[in-house]
């Protein structure tokens, strides 16, 4: 039985939803999975696990700085284990940005960190205008307008994953 650590940073809950699903799959195969928010990962020792997966969402073009700090602090330990990183960002809805090698947010993240994940993935996640506050709704609508995405404030779109 393998021990897996799943650390996540989620802005609106979509990354946590993906990690919850991953945890259920792992446990369904008879392994142990520990799910931890990045805010609670200060004292986590990655070497206590066989595999580490880190998932992080994008908000306004950046991954959570705590994720960057964590992977830089633990880069050697992460490299010593099986590991993976995934990014959840709405730009991944576009075919030309839907793979790790062509996703600008994932590429930018890798330039910020010493760690070189053994496995990479990107998910488009969820666009949920009705749940956003006024500022976020307006800002994200502007970004969508500039990038050719949906701008109707009643829109909710979930892409890229099967949950």
N, C-alpha and C. Protein backbone atom coordinates (compact mmCIF):
# COMPACT_ATOMS: atom_id res chain seq x y z
N UNK A 1 0.85 -1.18 0.00
CA UNK A 1 0.00 0.00 0.00
C UNK A 1 0.89 1.24 0.00
N UNK A 2 0.72 2.07 -1.00
CA UNK A 2 1.51 3.30 -1.13
C UNK A 2 0.86 4.43 -0.34
N UNK A 3 1.71 5.35 0.08
CA UNK A 3 1.24 6.56 0.77
C UNK A 3 1.43 7.74 -0.17
N UNK A 4 0.32 8.43 -0.46
CA UNK A 4 0.38 9.57 -1.37
C UNK A 4 -0.01 10.84 -0.64
N UNK A 5 0.71 11.90 -0.91
CA UNK A 5 0.40 13.24 -0.41
C UNK A 5 -0.14 14.07 -1.55
N UNK A 6 -1.29 14.69 -1.33
CA UNK A 6 -1.87 15.60 -2.31
C UNK A 6 -1.99 16.96 -1.64
N UNK A 7 -1.27 17.92 -2.16
CA UNK A 7 -1.32 19.30 -1.65
C UNK A 7 -1.98 20.15 -2.72
N UNK A 8 -2.86 21.04 -2.27
CA UNK A 8 -3.56 21.86 -3.26
C UNK A 8 -3.70 23.30 -2.79
N UNK A 9 -3.82 24.17 -3.79
CA UNK A 9 -4.17 25.57 -3.60
C UNK A 9 -5.36 25.83 -4.51
N UNK A 10 -6.48 26.21 -3.92
CA UNK A 10 -7.70 26.38 -4.69
C UNK A 10 -8.33 27.74 -4.40
N UNK A 11 -8.62 28.48 -5.43
CA UNK A 11 -9.21 29.80 -5.26
C UNK A 11 -10.72 29.72 -5.11
N UNK A 12 -11.37 29.01 -6.03
CA UNK A 12 -12.83 28.92 -6.01
C UNK A 12 -13.33 27.51 -5.75
N UNK A 13 -12.44 26.59 -5.40
CA UNK A 13 -12.85 25.24 -5.05
C UNK A 13 -12.66 24.19 -6.13
N UNK A 14 -12.35 24.59 -7.35
CA UNK A 14 -12.23 23.62 -8.43
C UNK A 14 -11.00 22.72 -8.26
N UNK A 15 -9.88 23.28 -7.87
CA UNK A 15 -8.68 22.47 -7.66
C UNK A 15 -8.89 21.49 -6.52
N UNK A 16 -9.55 21.92 -5.47
CA UNK A 16 -9.88 21.01 -4.37
C UNK A 16 -10.78 19.89 -4.85
N UNK A 17 -11.74 20.20 -5.69
CA UNK A 17 -12.64 19.19 -6.24
C UNK A 17 -11.86 18.14 -7.04
N UNK A 18 -10.92 18.59 -7.84
CA UNK A 18 -10.07 17.67 -8.61
C UNK A 18 -9.26 16.80 -7.65
N UNK A 19 -8.69 17.40 -6.62
CA UNK A 19 -7.87 16.65 -5.65
C UNK A 19 -8.72 15.66 -4.85
N UNK A 20 -9.94 16.05 -4.48
CA UNK A 20 -10.84 15.12 -3.80
C UNK A 20 -11.12 13.89 -4.66
N UNK A 21 -11.35 14.13 -5.94
CA UNK A 21 -11.60 13.03 -6.87
C UNK A 21 -10.37 12.14 -6.99
N UNK A 22 -9.20 12.73 -7.10
CA UNK A 22 -7.95 11.97 -7.16
C UNK A 22 -7.77 11.12 -5.89
N UNK A 23 -8.04 11.71 -4.74
CA UNK A 23 -7.93 10.98 -3.46
C UNK A 23 -8.85 9.77 -3.45
N UNK A 24 -10.09 9.95 -3.89
CA UNK A 24 -11.05 8.82 -3.92
C UNK A 24 -10.57 7.71 -4.85
N UNK A 25 -10.02 8.06 -5.99
CA UNK A 25 -9.51 7.06 -6.93
C UNK A 25 -8.35 6.28 -6.30
N UNK A 26 -7.42 7.00 -5.69
CA UNK A 26 -6.25 6.37 -5.06
C UNK A 26 -6.70 5.43 -3.95
N UNK A 27 -7.59 5.90 -3.10
CA UNK A 27 -8.07 5.06 -2.00
C UNK A 27 -8.88 3.88 -2.52
N UNK A 28 -9.56 4.05 -3.65
CA UNK A 28 -10.30 2.96 -4.27
C UNK A 28 -9.39 1.85 -4.77
N UNK A 29 -8.13 2.19 -4.98
CA UNK A 29 -7.14 1.19 -5.40
C UNK A 29 -6.36 0.64 -4.20
N UNK A 30 -6.83 0.93 -3.00
CA UNK A 30 -6.23 0.36 -1.80
C UNK A 30 -5.03 1.10 -1.23
N UNK A 31 -4.77 2.31 -1.70
CA UNK A 31 -3.64 3.09 -1.20
C UNK A 31 -4.14 4.15 -0.22
N UNK A 32 -3.21 4.75 0.50
CA UNK A 32 -3.56 5.83 1.42
C UNK A 32 -3.24 7.16 0.78
N UNK A 33 -4.16 8.10 0.91
CA UNK A 33 -3.94 9.44 0.35
C UNK A 33 -4.25 10.48 1.42
N UNK A 34 -3.33 11.40 1.58
CA UNK A 34 -3.50 12.50 2.52
C UNK A 34 -3.67 13.78 1.71
N UNK A 35 -4.77 14.47 1.94
CA UNK A 35 -5.10 15.70 1.22
C UNK A 35 -4.90 16.89 2.15
N UNK A 36 -4.06 17.84 1.73
CA UNK A 36 -3.73 18.99 2.58
C UNK A 36 -3.77 20.27 1.76
N UNK A 37 -4.43 21.30 2.32
CA UNK A 37 -4.39 22.63 1.71
C UNK A 37 -2.99 23.20 1.87
N UNK A 38 -2.55 23.98 0.91
CA UNK A 38 -1.22 24.58 0.98
C UNK A 38 -1.08 25.42 2.25
N UNK A 39 -2.15 26.04 2.71
CA UNK A 39 -2.12 26.84 3.94
C UNK A 39 -1.74 26.01 5.17
N UNK A 40 -1.99 24.70 5.10
CA UNK A 40 -1.74 23.81 6.24
C UNK A 40 -0.54 22.91 6.03
N UNK A 41 0.28 23.18 5.02
CA UNK A 41 1.37 22.28 4.65
C UNK A 41 2.73 22.68 5.21
N UNK A 42 2.77 23.62 6.14
CA UNK A 42 4.04 24.14 6.64
C UNK A 42 4.94 23.06 7.24
N UNK A 43 4.36 22.15 7.99
CA UNK A 43 5.15 21.14 8.69
C UNK A 43 5.15 19.78 8.01
N UNK A 44 4.69 19.72 6.78
CA UNK A 44 4.62 18.45 6.05
C UNK A 44 6.01 18.05 5.58
N UNK A 45 6.34 16.77 5.79
CA UNK A 45 7.60 16.23 5.30
C UNK A 45 7.31 15.37 4.08
N UNK A 46 7.63 15.86 2.88
CA UNK A 46 7.36 15.07 1.67
C UNK A 46 8.03 13.71 1.67
N UNK A 47 9.15 13.56 2.40
CA UNK A 47 9.85 12.28 2.43
C UNK A 47 9.09 11.21 3.20
N UNK A 48 8.03 11.59 3.90
CA UNK A 48 7.20 10.62 4.61
C UNK A 48 6.19 9.95 3.68
N UNK A 49 6.22 10.32 2.40
CA UNK A 49 5.26 9.80 1.43
C UNK A 49 6.00 9.17 0.25
N UNK A 50 5.32 8.25 -0.43
CA UNK A 50 5.90 7.61 -1.61
C UNK A 50 5.73 8.47 -2.85
N UNK A 51 4.61 9.18 -2.92
CA UNK A 51 4.26 9.98 -4.08
C UNK A 51 3.67 11.30 -3.61
N UNK A 52 4.01 12.37 -4.31
CA UNK A 52 3.47 13.70 -3.98
C UNK A 52 2.86 14.29 -5.24
N UNK A 53 1.63 14.77 -5.11
CA UNK A 53 0.94 15.49 -6.18
C UNK A 53 0.60 16.87 -5.65
N UNK A 54 0.90 17.89 -6.44
CA UNK A 54 0.56 19.25 -6.05
C UNK A 54 -0.29 19.85 -7.17
N UNK A 55 -1.44 20.40 -6.78
CA UNK A 55 -2.33 21.07 -7.72
C UNK A 55 -2.55 22.50 -7.30
N UNK A 56 -2.55 23.40 -8.26
CA UNK A 56 -2.71 24.81 -7.93
C UNK A 56 -3.51 25.53 -9.01
N UNK A 57 -4.37 26.40 -8.54
CA UNK A 57 -5.17 27.21 -9.46
C UNK A 57 -4.46 28.52 -9.76
N UNK A 58 -4.97 29.16 -10.78
CA UNK A 58 -4.48 30.48 -11.20
C UNK A 58 -5.52 31.52 -10.83
N UNK A 59 -5.06 32.63 -10.32
CA UNK A 59 -5.94 33.79 -10.15
C UNK A 59 -5.15 34.99 -10.59
N UNK A 60 -5.69 35.70 -11.56
CA UNK A 60 -5.07 36.89 -12.13
C UNK A 60 -3.63 36.63 -12.57
N UNK A 61 -3.45 35.49 -13.23
CA UNK A 61 -2.19 35.19 -13.88
C UNK A 61 -1.11 34.56 -13.02
N UNK A 62 -1.42 34.23 -11.77
CA UNK A 62 -0.38 33.69 -10.88
C UNK A 62 -0.89 32.50 -10.08
N UNK A 63 0.03 31.57 -9.83
CA UNK A 63 -0.24 30.52 -8.85
C UNK A 63 0.00 31.11 -7.47
N UNK A 64 -0.59 30.53 -6.47
CA UNK A 64 -0.43 30.96 -5.09
C UNK A 64 1.05 30.97 -4.72
N UNK A 65 1.53 32.07 -4.16
CA UNK A 65 2.94 32.20 -3.79
C UNK A 65 3.36 31.14 -2.77
N UNK A 66 2.43 30.66 -1.95
CA UNK A 66 2.76 29.61 -0.98
C UNK A 66 3.15 28.31 -1.69
N UNK A 67 2.56 28.05 -2.85
CA UNK A 67 2.91 26.86 -3.62
C UNK A 67 4.35 26.99 -4.12
N UNK A 68 4.67 28.14 -4.67
CA UNK A 68 6.03 28.39 -5.15
C UNK A 68 7.02 28.23 -4.00
N UNK A 69 6.72 28.82 -2.85
CA UNK A 69 7.61 28.72 -1.69
C UNK A 69 7.77 27.27 -1.23
N UNK A 70 6.66 26.53 -1.17
CA UNK A 70 6.70 25.14 -0.72
C UNK A 70 7.57 24.29 -1.64
N UNK A 71 7.36 24.39 -2.94
CA UNK A 71 8.13 23.53 -3.85
C UNK A 71 9.60 23.94 -3.90
N UNK A 72 9.90 25.20 -3.74
CA UNK A 72 11.30 25.61 -3.70
C UNK A 72 11.97 25.13 -2.41
N UNK A 73 11.26 25.20 -1.31
CA UNK A 73 11.80 24.73 -0.02
C UNK A 73 12.04 23.22 -0.04
N UNK A 74 11.14 22.48 -0.68
CA UNK A 74 11.19 21.02 -0.65
C UNK A 74 11.58 20.39 -1.99
N UNK A 75 12.23 21.15 -2.86
CA UNK A 75 12.54 20.65 -4.21
C UNK A 75 13.33 19.34 -4.18
N UNK A 76 14.32 19.23 -3.33
CA UNK A 76 15.12 18.00 -3.28
C UNK A 76 14.28 16.81 -2.82
N UNK A 77 13.46 17.02 -1.80
CA UNK A 77 12.59 15.94 -1.31
C UNK A 77 11.56 15.54 -2.36
N UNK A 78 11.00 16.52 -3.04
CA UNK A 78 10.03 16.21 -4.09
C UNK A 78 10.69 15.41 -5.21
N UNK A 79 11.89 15.82 -5.59
CA UNK A 79 12.61 15.11 -6.66
C UNK A 79 12.96 13.68 -6.26
N UNK A 80 13.06 13.41 -4.97
CA UNK A 80 13.42 12.08 -4.48
C UNK A 80 12.23 11.12 -4.47
N UNK A 81 11.05 11.60 -4.79
CA UNK A 81 9.84 10.79 -4.78
C UNK A 81 9.17 10.84 -6.15
N UNK A 82 8.25 9.90 -6.38
CA UNK A 82 7.37 10.04 -7.54
C UNK A 82 6.57 11.30 -7.30
N UNK A 83 6.34 12.11 -8.33
CA UNK A 83 5.67 13.37 -8.11
C UNK A 83 4.97 13.86 -9.36
N UNK A 84 4.06 14.78 -9.14
CA UNK A 84 3.33 15.39 -10.26
C UNK A 84 2.86 16.77 -9.83
N UNK A 85 2.65 17.61 -10.83
CA UNK A 85 2.08 18.94 -10.61
C UNK A 85 1.03 19.18 -11.67
N UNK A 86 -0.10 19.78 -11.25
CA UNK A 86 -1.07 20.22 -12.24
C UNK A 86 -1.54 21.63 -11.93
N UNK A 87 -1.86 22.34 -12.99
CA UNK A 87 -2.34 23.72 -12.91
C UNK A 87 -3.77 23.76 -13.42
N UNK A 88 -4.60 24.49 -12.71
CA UNK A 88 -5.99 24.69 -13.13
C UNK A 88 -6.11 26.15 -13.54
N UNK A 89 -6.34 26.35 -14.86
CA UNK A 89 -6.46 27.72 -15.36
C UNK A 89 -7.37 27.74 -16.58
N UNK A 90 -8.20 28.74 -16.62
CA UNK A 90 -9.25 28.80 -17.64
C UNK A 90 -8.69 28.95 -19.05
N UNK A 91 -7.46 29.42 -19.19
CA UNK A 91 -6.86 29.54 -20.52
C UNK A 91 -6.66 28.15 -21.14
N UNK A 92 -6.61 27.12 -20.31
CA UNK A 92 -6.44 25.75 -20.81
C UNK A 92 -7.67 25.28 -21.59
N UNK A 93 -8.71 26.09 -21.65
CA UNK A 93 -9.89 25.75 -22.46
C UNK A 93 -9.57 25.82 -23.94
N UNK A 94 -8.50 26.54 -24.28
CA UNK A 94 -8.11 26.72 -25.68
C UNK A 94 -7.18 25.58 -26.10
N UNK A 95 -7.46 24.97 -27.24
CA UNK A 95 -6.62 23.84 -27.68
C UNK A 95 -5.12 24.16 -27.73
N UNK A 96 -4.78 25.37 -28.11
CA UNK A 96 -3.36 25.71 -28.21
C UNK A 96 -2.72 26.03 -26.86
N UNK A 97 -3.49 25.94 -25.77
CA UNK A 97 -2.96 26.18 -24.42
C UNK A 97 -3.35 25.06 -23.46
N UNK A 98 -3.81 23.94 -24.01
CA UNK A 98 -4.39 22.87 -23.20
C UNK A 98 -3.42 21.77 -22.79
N UNK A 99 -2.17 21.88 -23.16
CA UNK A 99 -1.17 20.88 -22.82
C UNK A 99 -0.07 21.54 -21.98
N UNK A 100 0.59 20.78 -21.13
CA UNK A 100 1.65 21.36 -20.30
C UNK A 100 2.72 22.11 -21.10
N UNK A 101 3.09 21.60 -22.24
CA UNK A 101 4.17 22.23 -23.01
C UNK A 101 3.77 23.56 -23.64
N UNK A 102 2.46 23.85 -23.73
CA UNK A 102 2.07 25.12 -24.35
C UNK A 102 1.18 25.99 -23.45
N UNK A 103 1.07 25.64 -22.18
CA UNK A 103 0.26 26.44 -21.27
C UNK A 103 1.14 27.52 -20.63
N UNK A 104 0.84 28.79 -20.87
CA UNK A 104 1.74 29.85 -20.39
C UNK A 104 1.85 29.93 -18.87
N UNK A 105 0.79 29.60 -18.14
CA UNK A 105 0.85 29.67 -16.67
C UNK A 105 1.71 28.55 -16.11
N UNK A 106 1.61 27.38 -16.67
CA UNK A 106 2.45 26.28 -16.22
C UNK A 106 3.91 26.55 -16.56
N UNK A 107 4.17 27.08 -17.76
CA UNK A 107 5.54 27.40 -18.16
C UNK A 107 6.14 28.46 -17.21
N UNK A 108 5.33 29.48 -16.87
CA UNK A 108 5.80 30.53 -15.95
C UNK A 108 6.10 29.95 -14.57
N UNK A 109 5.24 29.05 -14.11
CA UNK A 109 5.47 28.41 -12.80
C UNK A 109 6.81 27.67 -12.80
N UNK A 110 7.07 26.91 -13.84
CA UNK A 110 8.31 26.13 -13.89
C UNK A 110 9.55 27.01 -13.91
N UNK A 111 9.43 28.23 -14.42
CA UNK A 111 10.56 29.16 -14.40
C UNK A 111 10.81 29.72 -12.99
N UNK A 112 9.78 29.69 -12.13
CA UNK A 112 9.89 30.23 -10.77
C UNK A 112 10.45 29.23 -9.77
N UNK A 113 10.44 27.95 -10.11
CA UNK A 113 10.76 26.93 -9.12
C UNK A 113 11.96 26.09 -9.54
N UNK A 114 12.64 25.54 -8.52
CA UNK A 114 13.78 24.64 -8.77
C UNK A 114 13.32 23.23 -9.09
N UNK A 115 12.16 22.86 -8.63
CA UNK A 115 11.61 21.52 -8.81
C UNK A 115 11.25 21.26 -10.26
N UNK A 116 11.52 20.07 -10.74
CA UNK A 116 11.12 19.64 -12.07
C UNK A 116 10.19 18.43 -11.92
N UNK A 117 8.88 18.68 -11.89
CA UNK A 117 7.93 17.57 -11.70
C UNK A 117 8.11 16.49 -12.77
N UNK A 118 7.93 15.24 -12.33
CA UNK A 118 8.06 14.10 -13.25
C UNK A 118 6.84 13.99 -14.16
N UNK A 119 5.71 14.50 -13.69
CA UNK A 119 4.49 14.47 -14.49
C UNK A 119 3.81 15.84 -14.37
N UNK A 120 3.32 16.34 -15.49
CA UNK A 120 2.66 17.64 -15.54
C UNK A 120 1.31 17.51 -16.24
N UNK A 121 0.35 18.33 -15.80
CA UNK A 121 -0.94 18.37 -16.48
C UNK A 121 -1.57 19.74 -16.26
N UNK A 122 -2.49 20.09 -17.14
CA UNK A 122 -3.29 21.31 -16.97
C UNK A 122 -4.76 20.95 -17.16
N UNK A 123 -5.61 21.64 -16.44
CA UNK A 123 -7.05 21.47 -16.55
C UNK A 123 -7.67 22.86 -16.70
N UNK A 124 -8.68 22.94 -17.54
CA UNK A 124 -9.36 24.23 -17.75
C UNK A 124 -10.18 24.63 -16.53
N UNK A 125 -10.67 23.69 -15.80
CA UNK A 125 -11.41 24.00 -14.59
C UNK A 125 -12.80 24.55 -14.84
N UNK A 126 -13.16 25.55 -14.06
CA UNK A 126 -14.53 26.04 -14.04
C UNK A 126 -14.56 27.56 -14.09
N UNK A 127 -15.44 28.07 -14.91
CA UNK A 127 -15.75 29.50 -14.97
C UNK A 127 -17.16 29.64 -14.42
N UNK A 128 -17.33 30.38 -13.34
CA UNK A 128 -18.62 30.42 -12.65
C UNK A 128 -18.96 31.85 -12.24
N UNK A 129 -19.35 32.63 -13.24
CA UNK A 129 -19.67 34.04 -12.98
C UNK A 129 -20.65 34.26 -11.83
N UNK A 130 -21.75 33.50 -11.74
CA UNK A 130 -22.71 33.77 -10.65
C UNK A 130 -22.12 33.66 -9.25
N UNK A 131 -21.06 32.88 -9.07
CA UNK A 131 -20.45 32.72 -7.73
C UNK A 131 -19.46 33.81 -7.40
N UNK A 132 -18.97 34.54 -8.40
CA UNK A 132 -17.95 35.55 -8.16
C UNK A 132 -18.54 36.82 -7.58
N UNK A 133 -17.72 37.51 -6.81
CA UNK A 133 -18.09 38.83 -6.35
C UNK A 133 -18.02 39.82 -7.51
N UNK A 134 -18.48 41.02 -7.29
CA UNK A 134 -18.56 42.03 -8.34
C UNK A 134 -17.20 42.29 -9.00
N UNK A 135 -16.16 42.51 -8.20
CA UNK A 135 -14.85 42.83 -8.74
C UNK A 135 -14.31 41.68 -9.59
N UNK A 136 -14.36 40.45 -9.04
CA UNK A 136 -13.86 39.29 -9.78
C UNK A 136 -14.66 39.08 -11.06
N UNK A 137 -15.97 39.22 -10.97
CA UNK A 137 -16.82 39.01 -12.16
C UNK A 137 -16.43 39.99 -13.27
N UNK A 138 -16.29 41.26 -12.92
CA UNK A 138 -15.93 42.27 -13.92
C UNK A 138 -14.53 42.03 -14.48
N UNK A 139 -13.59 41.72 -13.62
CA UNK A 139 -12.22 41.50 -14.06
C UNK A 139 -12.11 40.28 -14.97
N UNK A 140 -12.74 39.19 -14.57
CA UNK A 140 -12.68 37.97 -15.36
C UNK A 140 -13.43 38.15 -16.68
N UNK A 141 -14.53 38.88 -16.66
CA UNK A 141 -15.24 39.16 -17.92
C UNK A 141 -14.34 39.95 -18.88
N UNK A 142 -13.61 40.91 -18.35
CA UNK A 142 -12.68 41.68 -19.19
C UNK A 142 -11.61 40.76 -19.78
N UNK A 143 -11.05 39.90 -18.95
CA UNK A 143 -10.04 38.95 -19.44
C UNK A 143 -10.65 38.05 -20.52
N UNK A 144 -11.85 37.57 -20.28
CA UNK A 144 -12.52 36.71 -21.27
C UNK A 144 -12.80 37.47 -22.56
N UNK A 145 -13.18 38.72 -22.44
CA UNK A 145 -13.41 39.54 -23.63
C UNK A 145 -12.13 39.65 -24.46
N UNK A 146 -11.02 39.89 -23.78
CA UNK A 146 -9.74 40.05 -24.47
C UNK A 146 -9.22 38.74 -25.06
N UNK A 147 -9.63 37.61 -24.46
CA UNK A 147 -9.10 36.31 -24.91
C UNK A 147 -10.13 35.48 -25.67
N UNK A 148 -11.28 36.06 -25.96
CA UNK A 148 -12.28 35.35 -26.75
C UNK A 148 -13.07 34.31 -25.99
N UNK A 149 -13.18 34.49 -24.68
CA UNK A 149 -13.94 33.54 -23.85
C UNK A 149 -15.35 34.04 -23.58
N UNK A 150 -16.14 33.25 -22.85
CA UNK A 150 -17.51 33.63 -22.53
C UNK A 150 -17.57 34.84 -21.60
N UNK A 151 -18.47 35.76 -21.89
CA UNK A 151 -18.57 36.98 -21.08
C UNK A 151 -19.95 37.18 -20.45
N UNK A 152 -20.92 36.34 -20.78
CA UNK A 152 -22.26 36.46 -20.20
C UNK A 152 -22.16 36.22 -18.69
N UNK A 153 -22.56 37.18 -17.85
CA UNK A 153 -22.40 37.04 -16.40
C UNK A 153 -23.26 35.94 -15.79
N UNK A 154 -24.11 35.31 -16.57
CA UNK A 154 -24.90 34.18 -16.07
C UNK A 154 -24.23 32.84 -16.39
N UNK A 155 -23.08 32.88 -17.04
CA UNK A 155 -22.41 31.68 -17.52
C UNK A 155 -21.71 30.89 -16.41
N UNK A 156 -21.87 29.59 -16.47
CA UNK A 156 -21.09 28.65 -15.68
C UNK A 156 -20.63 27.56 -16.65
N UNK A 157 -19.32 27.39 -16.73
CA UNK A 157 -18.73 26.41 -17.65
C UNK A 157 -17.71 25.61 -16.89
N UNK A 158 -17.81 24.29 -17.01
CA UNK A 158 -16.81 23.40 -16.42
C UNK A 158 -16.24 22.56 -17.53
N UNK A 159 -14.92 22.66 -17.74
CA UNK A 159 -14.29 21.99 -18.87
C UNK A 159 -13.07 21.21 -18.42
N UNK A 160 -12.69 20.28 -19.25
CA UNK A 160 -11.38 19.68 -19.13
C UNK A 160 -11.25 18.50 -18.18
N UNK A 161 -12.27 18.22 -17.37
CA UNK A 161 -12.17 17.11 -16.46
C UNK A 161 -13.51 16.41 -16.33
N UNK A 162 -13.48 15.18 -15.94
CA UNK A 162 -14.69 14.42 -15.65
C UNK A 162 -14.68 14.12 -14.17
N UNK A 163 -15.65 14.66 -13.46
CA UNK A 163 -15.70 14.44 -12.01
C UNK A 163 -16.90 13.63 -11.61
